[in-house]
Amino acid sequence: MTRTHVKERTEELTSEMDEAQKTAIRILANDLHRLNQAVMKAVETGLSVELQRTARHHSEGGYWGDLLMPIIVKQKAA
């Protein structure tokens, strides 16, 4: 899926959301962007990073979200 298709799909999905949901999605997207930048920075310093699901948060109505924890590995010098 190209970036354009992702944007179109995102806009289609968010058109059915209320303002609180749209705000939550924007905050999540911004935080994920910062997380991705932090992962890339850690990799550039010589670390390997794996994100693992450690739990799943549930709320009323059957909604859920995965909670993550980083697994960090430092490579041994060759």
PDB file of N, CA and C in Angstrom:
ATOM      1  N   MET A   1       0.850  -1.174   0.000  1.00  0.00           N
ATOM      2  CA  MET A   1       0.000   0.000   0.000  1.00  0.00           C
ATOM      3  C   MET A   1       0.894   1.235   0.000  1.00  0.00           C
ATOM      4  N   THR A   2       0.684   2.123  -0.931  1.00  0.00           N
ATOM      5  CA  THR A   2       1.508   3.330  -1.007  1.00  0.00           C
ATOM      6  C   THR A   2       1.082   4.335   0.050  1.00  0.00           C
ATOM      7  N   ARG A   3       1.956   5.317   0.256  1.00  0.00           N
ATOM      8  CA  ARG A   3       1.687   6.349   1.252  1.00  0.00           C
ATOM      9  C   ARG A   3       0.374   7.083   0.943  1.00  0.00           C
ATOM     10  N   THR A   4       0.106   7.333  -0.336  1.00  0.00           N
ATOM     11  CA  THR A   4      -1.129   8.010  -0.733  1.00  0.00           C
ATOM     12  C   THR A   4      -2.343   7.169  -0.356  1.00  0.00           C
ATOM     13  N   HIS A   5      -2.260   5.866  -0.603  1.00  0.00           N
ATOM     14  CA  HIS A   5      -3.375   4.990  -0.251  1.00  0.00           C
ATOM     15  C   HIS A   5      -3.585   4.930   1.254  1.00  0.00           C
ATOM     16  N   VAL A   6      -2.501   4.944   2.014  1.00  0.00           N
ATOM     17  CA  VAL A   6      -2.614   4.934   3.468  1.00  0.00           C
ATOM     18  C   VAL A   6      -3.323   6.197   3.937  1.00  0.00           C
ATOM     19  N   LYS A   7      -2.932   7.342   3.381  1.00  0.00           N
ATOM     20  CA  LYS A   7      -3.560   8.608   3.777  1.00  0.00           C
ATOM     21  C   LYS A   7      -5.043   8.603   3.436  1.00  0.00           C
ATOM     22  N   GLU A   8      -5.398   8.136   2.229  1.00  0.00           N
ATOM     23  CA  GLU A   8      -6.805   8.082   1.825  1.00  0.00           C
ATOM     24  C   GLU A   8      -7.596   7.161   2.739  1.00  0.00           C
ATOM     25  N   ARG A   9      -7.031   6.000   3.066  1.00  0.00           N
ATOM     26  CA  ARG A   9      -7.713   5.034   3.947  1.00  0.00           C
ATOM     27  C   ARG A   9      -7.894   5.622   5.339  1.00  0.00           C
ATOM     28  N   THR A  10      -6.870   6.316   5.824  1.00  0.00           N
ATOM     29  CA  THR A  10      -6.944   6.944   7.145  1.00  0.00           C
ATOM     30  C   THR A  10      -8.029   8.007   7.168  1.00  0.00           C
ATOM     31  N   GLU A  11      -8.077   8.833   6.126  1.00  0.00           N
ATOM     32  CA  GLU A  11      -9.102   9.878   6.063  1.00  0.00           C
ATOM     33  C   GLU A  11     -10.496   9.266   6.011  1.00  0.00           C
ATOM     34  N   GLU A  12     -10.636   8.161   5.276  1.00  0.00           N
ATOM     35  CA  GLU A  12     -11.932   7.489   5.188  1.00  0.00           C
ATOM     36  C   GLU A  12     -12.365   6.965   6.559  1.00  0.00           C
ATOM     37  N   LEU A  13     -11.438   6.341   7.277  1.00  0.00           N
ATOM     38  CA  LEU A  13     -11.769   5.793   8.591  1.00  0.00           C
ATOM     39  C   LEU A  13     -12.076   6.879   9.606  1.00  0.00           C
ATOM     40  N   THR A  14     -11.296   7.970   9.586  1.00  0.00           N
ATOM     41  CA  THR A  14     -11.505   9.016  10.582  1.00  0.00           C
ATOM     42  C   THR A  14     -12.742   9.865  10.302  1.00  0.00           C
ATOM     43  N   SER A  15     -13.273   9.802   9.093  1.00  0.00           N
ATOM     44  CA  SER A  15     -14.474  10.593   8.798  1.00  0.00           C
ATOM     45  C   SER A  15     -15.668  10.114   9.612  1.00  0.00           C
ATOM     46  N   GLU A  16     -15.602   8.881  10.113  1.00  0.00           N
ATOM     47  CA  GLU A  16     -16.695   8.332  10.904  1.00  0.00           C
ATOM     48  C   GLU A  16     -16.450   8.442  12.405  1.00  0.00           C
ATOM     49  N   MET A  17     -15.374   9.134  12.804  1.00  0.00           N
ATOM     50  CA  MET A  17     -15.025   9.265  14.217  1.00  0.00           C
ATOM     51  C   MET A  17     -15.473  10.607  14.769  1.00  0.00           C
ATOM     52  N   ASP A  18     -15.740  10.605  16.088  1.00  0.00           N
ATOM     53  CA  ASP A  18     -16.063  11.882  16.722  1.00  0.00           C
ATOM     54  C   ASP A  18     -14.749  12.629  17.015  1.00  0.00           C
ATOM     55  N   GLU A  19     -14.865  13.859  17.494  1.00  0.00           N
ATOM     56  CA  GLU A  19     -13.678  14.699  17.692  1.00  0.00           C
ATOM     57  C   GLU A  19     -12.720  14.111  18.724  1.00  0.00           C
ATOM     58  N   ALA A  20     -13.233  13.510  19.795  1.00  0.00           N
ATOM     59  CA  ALA A  20     -12.361  12.909  20.808  1.00  0.00           C
ATOM     60  C   ALA A  20     -11.555  11.760  20.208  1.00  0.00           C
ATOM     61  N   GLN A  21     -12.193  10.967  19.362  1.00  0.00           N
ATOM     62  CA  GLN A  21     -11.493   9.858  18.712  1.00  0.00           C
ATOM     63  C   GLN A  21     -10.447  10.386  17.729  1.00  0.00           C
ATOM     64  N   LYS A  22     -10.790  11.410  16.963  1.00  0.00           N
ATOM     65  CA  LYS A  22      -9.834  11.998  16.028  1.00  0.00           C
ATOM     66  C   LYS A  22      -8.625  12.565  16.766  1.00  0.00           C
ATOM     67  N   THR A  23      -8.866  13.210  17.898  1.00  0.00           N
ATOM     68  CA  THR A  23      -7.775  13.749  18.707  1.00  0.00           C
ATOM     69  C   THR A  23      -6.887  12.624  19.217  1.00  0.00           C
ATOM     70  N   ALA A  24      -7.508  11.552  19.699  1.00  0.00           N
ATOM     71  CA  ALA A  24      -6.744  10.401  20.199  1.00  0.00           C
ATOM     72  C   ALA A  24      -5.882   9.800  19.095  1.00  0.00           C
ATOM     73  N   ILE A  25      -6.407   9.722  17.874  1.00  0.00           N
ATOM     74  CA  ILE A  25      -5.654   9.182  16.740  1.00  0.00           C
ATOM     75  C   ILE A  25      -4.477  10.091  16.398  1.00  0.00           C
ATOM     76  N   ARG A  26      -4.683  11.412  16.416  1.00  0.00           N
ATOM     77  CA  ARG A  26      -3.589  12.341  16.128  1.00  0.00           C
ATOM     78  C   ARG A  26      -2.479  12.222  17.169  1.00  0.00           C
ATOM     79  N   ILE A  27      -2.858  12.132  18.449  1.00  0.00           N
ATOM     80  CA  ILE A  27      -1.874  11.977  19.519  1.00  0.00           C
ATOM     81  C   ILE A  27      -1.110  10.673  19.340  1.00  0.00           C
ATOM     82  N   LEU A  28      -1.818   9.581  19.051  1.00  0.00           N
ATOM     83  CA  LEU A  28      -1.182   8.287  18.832  1.00  0.00           C
ATOM     84  C   LEU A  28      -0.219   8.341  17.650  1.00  0.00           C
ATOM     85  N   ALA A  29      -0.645   8.942  16.557  1.00  0.00           N
ATOM     86  CA  ALA A  29       0.208   9.038  15.369  1.00  0.00           C
ATOM     87  C   ALA A  29       1.475   9.842  15.672  1.00  0.00           C
ATOM     88  N   ASN A  30       1.328  10.958  16.385  1.00  0.00           N
ATOM     89  CA  ASN A  30       2.491  11.777  16.746  1.00  0.00           C
ATOM     90  C   ASN A  30       3.439  11.012  17.661  1.00  0.00           C
ATOM     91  N   ASP A  31       2.882  10.317  18.657  1.00  0.00           N
ATOM     92  CA  ASP A  31       3.715   9.554  19.585  1.00  0.00           C
ATOM     93  C   ASP A  31       4.405   8.388  18.878  1.00  0.00           C
ATOM     94  N   LEU A  32       3.721   7.744  17.942  1.00  0.00           N
ATOM     95  CA  LEU A  32       4.349   6.661  17.181  1.00  0.00           C
ATOM     96  C   LEU A  32       5.479   7.187  16.313  1.00  0.00           C
ATOM     97  N   HIS A  33       5.304   8.365  15.758  1.00  0.00           N
ATOM     98  CA  HIS A  33       6.367   8.975  14.966  1.00  0.00           C
ATOM     99  C   HIS A  33       7.601   9.205  15.841  1.00  0.00           C
ATOM    100  N   ARG A  34       7.383   9.745  17.043  1.00  0.00           N
ATOM    101  CA  ARG A  34       8.499   9.967  17.971  1.00  0.00           C
ATOM    102  C   ARG A  34       9.133   8.642  18.396  1.00  0.00           C
ATOM    103  N   LEU A  35       8.315   7.615  18.623  1.00  0.00           N
ATOM    104  CA  LEU A  35       8.841   6.295  18.969  1.00  0.00           C
ATOM    105  C   LEU A  35       9.713   5.755  17.842  1.00  0.00           C
ATOM    106  N   ASN A  36       9.235   5.859  16.615  1.00  0.00           N
ATOM    107  CA  ASN A  36      10.020   5.385  15.471  1.00  0.00           C
ATOM    108  C   ASN A  36      11.345   6.127  15.355  1.00  0.00           C
ATOM    109  N   GLN A  37      11.327   7.432  15.607  1.00  0.00           N
ATOM    110  CA  GLN A  37      12.566   8.210  15.576  1.00  0.00           C
ATOM    111  C   GLN A  37      13.524   7.746  16.669  1.00  0.00           C
ATOM    112  N   ALA A  38      12.990   7.459  17.856  1.00  0.00           N
ATOM    113  CA  ALA A  38      13.821   6.991  18.959  1.00  0.00           C
ATOM    114  C   ALA A  38      14.415   5.612  18.651  1.00  0.00           C
ATOM    115  N   VAL A  39      13.635   4.733  18.026  1.00  0.00           N
ATOM    116  CA  VAL A  39      14.147   3.419  17.634  1.00  0.00           C
ATOM    117  C   VAL A  39      15.289   3.587  16.631  1.00  0.00           C
ATOM    118  N   MET A  40      15.099   4.432  15.623  1.00  0.00           N
ATOM    119  CA  MET A  40      16.150   4.647  14.622  1.00  0.00           C
ATOM    120  C   MET A  40      17.416   5.213  15.275  1.00  0.00           C
ATOM    121  N   LYS A  41      17.251   6.148  16.214  1.00  0.00           N
ATOM    122  CA  LYS A  41      18.415   6.722  16.899  1.00  0.00           C
ATOM    123  C   LYS A  41      19.143   5.642  17.696  1.00  0.00           C
ATOM    124  N   ALA A  42      18.411   4.786  18.403  1.00  0.00           N
ATOM    125  CA  ALA A  42      19.030   3.703  19.169  1.00  0.00           C
ATOM    126  C   ALA A  42      19.776   2.742  18.247  1.00  0.00           C
ATOM    127  N   VAL A  43      19.186   2.421  17.103  1.00  0.00           N
ATOM    128  CA  VAL A  43      19.835   1.524  16.131  1.00  0.00           C
ATOM    129  C   VAL A  43      21.128   2.155  15.631  1.00  0.00           C
ATOM    130  N   GLU A  44      21.103   3.458  15.349  1.00  0.00           N
ATOM    131  CA  GLU A  44      22.290   4.146  14.854  1.00  0.00           C
ATOM    132  C   GLU A  44      23.417   4.179  15.893  1.00  0.00           C
ATOM    133  N   THR A  45      23.086   4.035  17.184  1.00  0.00           N
ATOM    134  CA  THR A  45      24.119   4.025  18.232  1.00  0.00           C
ATOM    135  C   THR A  45      24.674   2.625  18.469  1.00  0.00           C
ATOM    136  N   GLY A  46      24.171   1.627  17.736  1.00  0.00           N
ATOM    137  CA  GLY A  46      24.701   0.273  17.869  1.00  0.00           C
ATOM    138  C   GLY A  46      23.839  -0.667  18.683  1.00  0.00           C
ATOM    139  N   LEU A  47      22.562  -0.384  18.801  1.00  0.00           N
ATOM    140  CA  LEU A  47      21.644  -1.258  19.527  1.00  0.00           C
ATOM    141  C   LEU A  47      20.642  -1.867  18.556  1.00  0.00           C
ATOM    142  N   SER A  48      20.184  -3.053  18.888  1.00  0.00           N
ATOM    143  CA  SER A  48      19.072  -3.649  18.158  1.00  0.00           C
ATOM    144  C   SER A  48      17.845  -3.510  19.041  1.00  0.00           C
ATOM    145  N   VAL A  49      16.716  -3.174  18.432  1.00  0.00           N
ATOM    146  CA  VAL A  49      15.498  -2.895  19.190  1.00  0.00           C
ATOM    147  C   VAL A  49      14.352  -3.733  18.639  1.00  0.00           C
ATOM    148  N   GLU A  50      13.693  -4.445  19.528  1.00  0.00           N
ATOM    149  CA  GLU A  50      12.487  -5.187  19.165  1.00  0.00           C
ATOM    150  C   GLU A  50      11.371  -4.718  20.084  1.00  0.00           C
ATOM    151  N   LEU A  51      10.223  -4.416  19.523  1.00  0.00           N
ATOM    152  CA  LEU A  51       9.066  -4.034  20.332  1.00  0.00           C
ATOM    153  C   LEU A  51       8.175  -5.262  20.491  1.00  0.00           C
ATOM    154  N   GLN A  52       7.916  -5.626  21.740  1.00  0.00           N
ATOM    155  CA  GLN A  52       7.076  -6.791  22.020  1.00  0.00           C
ATOM    156  C   GLN A  52       5.815  -6.360  22.734  1.00  0.00           C
ATOM    157  N   ARG A  53       4.717  -7.029  22.379  1.00  0.00           N
ATOM    158  CA  ARG A  53       3.478  -6.781  23.115  1.00  0.00           C
ATOM    159  C   ARG A  53       3.614  -7.437  24.482  1.00  0.00           C
ATOM    160  N   THR A  54       3.381  -6.655  25.529  1.00  0.00           N
ATOM    161  CA  THR A  54       3.468  -7.182  26.888  1.00  0.00           C
ATOM    162  C   THR A  54       2.096  -7.368  27.517  1.00  0.00           C
ATOM    163  N   ALA A  55       1.116  -6.678  26.985  1.00  0.00           N
ATOM    164  CA  ALA A  55      -0.236  -6.769  27.535  1.00  0.00           C
ATOM    165  C   ALA A  55      -1.211  -6.208  26.515  1.00  0.00           C
ATOM    166  N   ARG A  56      -2.465  -6.411  26.787  1.00  0.00           N
ATOM    167  CA  ARG A  56      -3.518  -5.835  25.967  1.00  0.00           C
ATOM    168  C   ARG A  56      -4.478  -5.115  26.905  1.00  0.00           C
ATOM    169  N   HIS A  57      -4.685  -3.825  26.643  1.00  0.00           N
ATOM    170  CA  HIS A  57      -5.595  -3.012  27.456  1.00  0.00           C
ATOM    171  C   HIS A  57      -6.999  -3.112  26.867  1.00  0.00           C
ATOM    172  N   HIS A  58      -7.973  -3.389  27.716  1.00  0.00           N
ATOM    173  CA  HIS A  58      -9.370  -3.517  27.288  1.00  0.00           C
ATOM    174  C   HIS A  58     -10.218  -2.433  27.955  1.00  0.00           C
ATOM    175  N   SER A  59     -11.233  -1.995  27.230  1.00  0.00           N
ATOM    176  CA  SER A  59     -12.196  -1.067  27.814  1.00  0.00           C
ATOM    177  C   SER A  59     -13.596  -1.596  27.542  1.00  0.00           C
ATOM    178  N   GLU A  60     -14.573  -0.915  28.105  1.00  0.00           N
ATOM    179  CA  GLU A  60     -15.954  -1.333  27.894  1.00  0.00           C
ATOM    180  C   GLU A  60     -16.303  -1.287  26.409  1.00  0.00           C
ATOM    181  N   GLY A  61     -17.185  -2.124  25.987  1.00  0.00           N
ATOM    182  CA  GLY A  61     -17.615  -2.133  24.603  1.00  0.00           C
ATOM    183  C   GLY A  61     -16.745  -3.006  23.707  1.00  0.00           C
ATOM    184  N   GLY A  62     -15.761  -3.699  24.294  1.00  0.00           N
ATOM    185  CA  GLY A  62     -14.943  -4.609  23.513  1.00  0.00           C
ATOM    186  C   GLY A  62     -13.756  -3.980  22.814  1.00  0.00           C
ATOM    187  N   TYR A  63     -13.418  -2.739  23.137  1.00  0.00           N
ATOM    188  CA  TYR A  63     -12.269  -2.079  22.516  1.00  0.00           C
ATOM    189  C   TYR A  63     -10.991  -2.514  23.218  1.00  0.00           C
ATOM    190  N   TRP A  64      -9.891  -2.569  22.473  1.00  0.00           N
ATOM    191  CA  TRP A  64      -8.624  -3.005  23.053  1.00  0.00           C
ATOM    192  C   TRP A  64      -7.462  -2.358  22.337  1.00  0.00           C
ATOM    193  N   GLY A  65      -6.316  -2.367  22.980  1.00  0.00           N
ATOM    194  CA  GLY A  65      -5.080  -1.859  22.388  1.00  0.00           C
ATOM    195  C   GLY A  65      -3.891  -2.600  22.966  1.00  0.00           C
ATOM    196  N   ASP A  66      -2.894  -2.844  22.136  1.00  0.00           N
ATOM    197  CA  ASP A  66      -1.694  -3.538  22.571  1.00  0.00           C
ATOM    198  C   ASP A  66      -0.753  -2.579  23.291  1.00  0.00           C
ATOM    199  N   LEU A  67      -0.159  -3.041  24.388  1.00  0.00           N
ATOM    200  CA  LEU A  67       0.849  -2.293  25.126  1.00  0.00           C
ATOM    201  C   LEU A  67       2.199  -2.917  24.811  1.00  0.00           C
ATOM    202  N   LEU A  68       3.209  -2.070  24.596  1.00  0.00           N
ATOM    203  CA  LEU A  68       4.501  -2.542  24.112  1.00  0.00           C
ATOM    204  C   LEU A  68       5.624  -2.297  25.103  1.00  0.00           C
ATOM    205  N   MET A  69       6.672  -3.113  24.986  1.00  0.00           N
ATOM    206  CA  MET A  69       7.887  -2.957  25.760  1.00  0.00           C
ATOM    207  C   MET A  69       9.059  -3.188  24.828  1.00  0.00           C
ATOM    208  N   PRO A  70      10.105  -2.337  24.907  1.00  0.00           N
ATOM    209  CA  PRO A  70      11.253  -2.574  24.034  1.00  0.00           C
ATOM    210  C   PRO A  70      12.166  -3.659  24.604  1.00  0.00           C
ATOM    211  N   ILE A  71      12.664  -4.512  23.726  1.00  0.00           N
ATOM    212  CA  ILE A  71      13.713  -5.468  24.048  1.00  0.00           C
ATOM    213  C   ILE A  71      14.963  -4.928  23.361  1.00  0.00           C
ATOM    214  N   ILE A  72      15.979  -4.600  24.140  1.00  0.00           N
ATOM    215  CA  ILE A  72      17.179  -3.964  23.610  1.00  0.00           C
ATOM    216  C   ILE A  72      18.339  -4.962  23.648  1.00  0.00           C
ATOM    217  N   VAL A  73      19.071  -5.060  22.546  1.00  0.00           N
ATOM    218  CA  VAL A  73      20.235  -5.947  22.462  1.00  0.00           C
ATOM    219  C   VAL A  73      21.416  -5.128  21.987  1.00  0.00           C
ATOM    220  N   LYS A  74      22.497  -5.179  22.748  1.00  0.00           N
ATOM    221  CA  LYS A  74      23.742  -4.529  22.321  1.00  0.00           C
ATOM    222  C   LYS A  74      24.624  -5.598  21.714  1.00  0.00           C
ATOM    223  N   GLN A  75      25.037  -5.370  20.487  1.00  0.00           N
ATOM    224  CA  GLN A  75      25.902  -6.324  19.795  1.00  0.00           C
ATOM    225  C   GLN A  75      27.289  -6.299  20.414  1.00  0.00           C
ATOM    226  N   LYS A  76      27.906  -7.463  20.494  1.00  0.00           N
ATOM    227  CA  LYS A  76      29.280  -7.543  20.995  1.00  0.00           C
ATOM    228  C   LYS A  76      30.230  -7.049  19.931  1.00  0.00           C
ATOM    229  N   ALA A  77      31.266  -6.365  20.366  1.00  0.00           N
ATOM    230  CA  ALA A  77      32.271  -5.870  19.426  1.00  0.00           C
ATOM    231  C   ALA A  77      32.959  -7.033  18.730  1.00  0.00           C
ATOM    232  N   ALA A  78      33.190  -6.889  17.438  1.00  0.00           N
ATOM    233  CA  ALA A  78      33.808  -7.963  16.659  1.00  0.00           C
ATOM    234  C   ALA A  78      35.304  -7.961  16.798  1.00  0.00           C
TER     235      ALA A  78
END
